[in-house]
N, C-alpha and C. Protein backbone atom coordinates (compact mmCIF):
# COMPACT_ATOMS: atom_id res chain seq x y z
N MET A 1 28.94 22.24 -133.16
CA MET A 1 28.08 21.17 -132.71
C MET A 1 28.36 19.95 -133.57
N SER A 2 28.59 18.86 -132.93
CA SER A 2 28.90 17.64 -133.67
C SER A 2 27.63 16.89 -134.05
N LYS A 3 27.73 16.12 -135.10
CA LYS A 3 26.62 15.27 -135.52
C LYS A 3 26.79 13.91 -134.87
N ILE A 4 25.72 13.38 -134.32
CA ILE A 4 25.78 12.09 -133.64
C ILE A 4 24.84 11.14 -134.36
N LEU A 5 25.37 10.01 -134.79
CA LEU A 5 24.59 9.02 -135.52
C LEU A 5 24.21 7.90 -134.57
N PHE A 6 22.94 7.51 -134.57
CA PHE A 6 22.46 6.46 -133.69
C PHE A 6 21.89 5.30 -134.49
N HIS A 7 21.93 4.14 -133.89
CA HIS A 7 21.31 2.96 -134.47
C HIS A 7 19.80 3.15 -134.45
N PRO A 8 19.08 2.79 -135.52
CA PRO A 8 17.64 3.02 -135.58
C PRO A 8 16.82 2.25 -134.54
N ASP A 9 17.39 1.25 -133.89
CA ASP A 9 16.64 0.50 -132.89
C ASP A 9 16.58 1.21 -131.54
N ILE A 10 17.39 2.24 -131.34
CA ILE A 10 17.35 3.01 -130.09
C ILE A 10 16.11 3.90 -130.15
N PRO A 11 15.32 3.93 -129.07
CA PRO A 11 14.14 4.80 -129.06
C PRO A 11 14.53 6.26 -129.32
N VAL A 12 13.71 6.97 -130.07
CA VAL A 12 14.02 8.35 -130.46
C VAL A 12 14.22 9.24 -129.24
N VAL A 13 13.36 9.11 -128.25
CA VAL A 13 13.46 9.96 -127.06
C VAL A 13 14.81 9.76 -126.37
N GLU A 14 15.24 8.52 -126.26
CA GLU A 14 16.53 8.23 -125.63
C GLU A 14 17.69 8.76 -126.48
N ALA A 15 17.60 8.60 -127.79
CA ALA A 15 18.66 9.08 -128.67
C ALA A 15 18.79 10.60 -128.60
N VAL A 16 17.66 11.31 -128.58
CA VAL A 16 17.69 12.77 -128.48
C VAL A 16 18.29 13.19 -127.14
N ARG A 17 17.91 12.51 -126.06
CA ARG A 17 18.44 12.84 -124.74
C ARG A 17 19.96 12.67 -124.71
N ILE A 18 20.44 11.58 -125.25
CA ILE A 18 21.89 11.32 -125.27
C ILE A 18 22.60 12.36 -126.14
N ALA A 19 22.05 12.64 -127.31
CA ALA A 19 22.68 13.62 -128.20
C ALA A 19 22.75 14.99 -127.53
N ASN A 20 21.67 15.41 -126.88
CA ASN A 20 21.67 16.70 -126.21
C ASN A 20 22.67 16.73 -125.06
N SER A 21 22.77 15.65 -124.31
CA SER A 21 23.71 15.62 -123.19
C SER A 21 25.16 15.65 -123.66
N GLN A 22 25.41 15.20 -124.88
CA GLN A 22 26.76 15.21 -125.43
C GLN A 22 27.06 16.49 -126.20
N GLY A 23 26.10 17.41 -126.27
CA GLY A 23 26.31 18.66 -126.99
C GLY A 23 26.30 18.49 -128.49
N GLY A 24 25.63 17.46 -128.97
CA GLY A 24 25.59 17.20 -130.40
C GLY A 24 24.19 17.30 -130.96
N ARG A 25 24.08 17.01 -132.22
CA ARG A 25 22.80 17.04 -132.91
C ARG A 25 22.53 15.64 -133.43
N LEU A 26 21.33 15.17 -133.19
CA LEU A 26 20.96 13.84 -133.62
C LEU A 26 20.76 13.82 -135.14
N VAL A 27 21.44 12.91 -135.80
CA VAL A 27 21.34 12.80 -137.25
C VAL A 27 21.25 11.32 -137.61
N TRP A 28 20.25 10.95 -138.36
CA TRP A 28 20.20 9.62 -138.92
C TRP A 28 19.29 9.65 -140.12
N LYS A 29 19.18 8.57 -140.79
CA LYS A 29 18.52 8.51 -142.09
C LYS A 29 17.12 9.12 -142.09
N ASP A 30 16.37 8.88 -141.06
CA ASP A 30 14.96 9.26 -141.05
C ASP A 30 14.71 10.74 -140.73
N THR A 31 15.61 11.41 -140.04
CA THR A 31 15.56 12.84 -139.68
C THR A 31 14.28 13.27 -138.96
N LYS A 32 13.57 12.33 -138.37
CA LYS A 32 12.31 12.65 -137.70
C LYS A 32 12.46 13.72 -136.60
N PRO A 33 13.48 13.66 -135.72
CA PRO A 33 13.57 14.70 -134.68
C PRO A 33 13.70 16.11 -135.24
N ARG A 34 14.44 16.29 -136.33
CA ARG A 34 14.57 17.63 -136.92
C ARG A 34 13.23 18.13 -137.41
N TYR A 35 12.46 17.27 -138.09
CA TYR A 35 11.16 17.70 -138.59
C TYR A 35 10.19 17.94 -137.45
N SER A 36 10.31 17.20 -136.39
CA SER A 36 9.46 17.41 -135.21
C SER A 36 9.75 18.79 -134.61
N ARG A 37 11.04 19.15 -134.48
CA ARG A 37 11.39 20.46 -133.95
C ARG A 37 10.95 21.57 -134.91
N ALA A 38 11.04 21.32 -136.20
CA ALA A 38 10.59 22.32 -137.18
C ALA A 38 9.09 22.56 -137.03
N MET A 39 8.33 21.51 -136.82
CA MET A 39 6.88 21.67 -136.64
C MET A 39 6.58 22.43 -135.35
N GLN A 40 7.37 22.23 -134.30
CA GLN A 40 7.19 23.00 -133.07
C GLN A 40 7.42 24.48 -133.33
N HIS A 41 8.45 24.80 -134.11
CA HIS A 41 8.71 26.20 -134.46
C HIS A 41 7.56 26.76 -135.30
N ASN A 42 7.02 25.95 -136.21
CA ASN A 42 5.90 26.42 -137.02
C ASN A 42 4.69 26.74 -136.16
N ARG A 43 4.41 25.89 -135.16
CA ARG A 43 3.28 26.17 -134.26
C ARG A 43 3.53 27.44 -133.45
N ARG A 44 4.77 27.64 -133.01
CA ARG A 44 5.10 28.86 -132.26
C ARG A 44 4.99 30.10 -133.16
N ALA A 45 5.39 29.96 -134.42
CA ALA A 45 5.27 31.07 -135.36
C ALA A 45 3.80 31.44 -135.57
N LEU A 46 2.94 30.44 -135.70
CA LEU A 46 1.51 30.70 -135.87
C LEU A 46 0.96 31.43 -134.64
N ALA A 47 1.34 30.98 -133.46
CA ALA A 47 0.88 31.64 -132.23
C ALA A 47 1.38 33.09 -132.17
N ALA A 48 2.61 33.31 -132.60
CA ALA A 48 3.16 34.67 -132.60
C ALA A 48 2.42 35.56 -133.61
N ILE A 49 2.08 35.01 -134.76
CA ILE A 49 1.32 35.78 -135.76
C ILE A 49 -0.05 36.13 -135.21
N GLU A 50 -0.71 35.17 -134.57
CA GLU A 50 -2.02 35.44 -133.99
C GLU A 50 -1.94 36.51 -132.91
N ALA A 51 -0.80 36.60 -132.22
CA ALA A 51 -0.58 37.63 -131.19
C ALA A 51 0.00 38.91 -131.80
N GLN A 52 0.12 38.96 -133.11
CA GLN A 52 0.66 40.08 -133.87
C GLN A 52 2.11 40.40 -133.48
N ASP A 53 2.86 39.38 -133.11
CA ASP A 53 4.29 39.50 -132.84
C ASP A 53 5.03 39.00 -134.08
N TYR A 54 5.14 39.87 -135.07
CA TYR A 54 5.67 39.44 -136.36
C TYR A 54 7.18 39.18 -136.32
N GLU A 55 7.91 39.92 -135.51
CA GLU A 55 9.35 39.67 -135.38
C GLU A 55 9.60 38.31 -134.73
N GLY A 56 8.82 37.99 -133.72
CA GLY A 56 8.94 36.68 -133.07
C GLY A 56 8.59 35.56 -134.03
N ALA A 57 7.56 35.78 -134.83
CA ALA A 57 7.15 34.77 -135.81
C ALA A 57 8.25 34.54 -136.83
N LEU A 58 8.88 35.62 -137.27
CA LEU A 58 9.96 35.49 -138.25
C LEU A 58 11.12 34.68 -137.69
N GLY A 59 11.43 34.88 -136.42
CA GLY A 59 12.49 34.09 -135.78
C GLY A 59 12.17 32.61 -135.76
N HIS A 60 10.91 32.28 -135.47
CA HIS A 60 10.51 30.87 -135.45
C HIS A 60 10.50 30.28 -136.86
N ILE A 61 10.11 31.06 -137.84
CA ILE A 61 10.12 30.57 -139.23
C ILE A 61 11.55 30.28 -139.67
N ARG A 62 12.47 31.16 -139.31
CA ARG A 62 13.89 30.93 -139.65
C ARG A 62 14.43 29.68 -138.95
N ALA A 63 14.05 29.52 -137.68
CA ALA A 63 14.51 28.35 -136.93
C ALA A 63 13.95 27.06 -137.53
N ALA A 64 12.69 27.09 -137.96
CA ALA A 64 12.09 25.90 -138.58
C ALA A 64 12.81 25.56 -139.88
N ARG A 65 13.10 26.56 -140.67
CA ARG A 65 13.81 26.32 -141.93
C ARG A 65 15.20 25.74 -141.66
N ALA A 66 15.87 26.27 -140.66
CA ALA A 66 17.20 25.77 -140.31
C ALA A 66 17.14 24.32 -139.86
N GLU A 67 16.11 23.94 -139.11
CA GLU A 67 15.96 22.55 -138.68
C GLU A 67 15.82 21.63 -139.89
N VAL A 68 15.00 22.03 -140.84
CA VAL A 68 14.76 21.20 -142.02
C VAL A 68 16.03 21.08 -142.86
N GLU A 69 16.76 22.19 -142.98
CA GLU A 69 17.98 22.18 -143.78
C GLU A 69 19.18 21.61 -143.03
N GLY A 70 19.04 21.43 -141.72
CA GLY A 70 20.11 20.83 -140.94
C GLY A 70 21.19 21.78 -140.48
N GLY A 71 20.93 23.08 -140.54
CA GLY A 71 21.92 24.05 -140.10
C GLY A 71 21.46 24.83 -138.90
N ALA A 72 22.27 25.79 -138.50
CA ALA A 72 21.91 26.65 -137.37
C ALA A 72 21.09 27.83 -137.88
N PRO A 73 20.12 28.31 -137.09
CA PRO A 73 19.33 29.45 -137.54
C PRO A 73 20.18 30.71 -137.63
N CYS A 74 19.88 31.55 -138.60
CA CYS A 74 20.65 32.78 -138.76
C CYS A 74 20.14 33.81 -137.76
N ALA A 75 21.02 34.70 -137.34
CA ALA A 75 20.67 35.69 -136.32
C ALA A 75 20.08 36.96 -136.92
N ALA A 76 20.11 37.10 -138.22
CA ALA A 76 19.66 38.35 -138.86
C ALA A 76 18.22 38.56 -138.79
């Protein structure tokens, strides 16, 4: 997956759409989209814990960590 750098004046939603359509990952100084996706994974992990799906929660926790660190989630 390639890293795609965008000018900060482009709206975030548009930049994410373009990056996804190009098969890349949006990267720029502010990293807001990565943290937004990490928070989505955290919310899903909480929902999985409340449903006592601990394996599912662990997968979301790993994915959130990978988003913050900028890498791909591990499959283990």
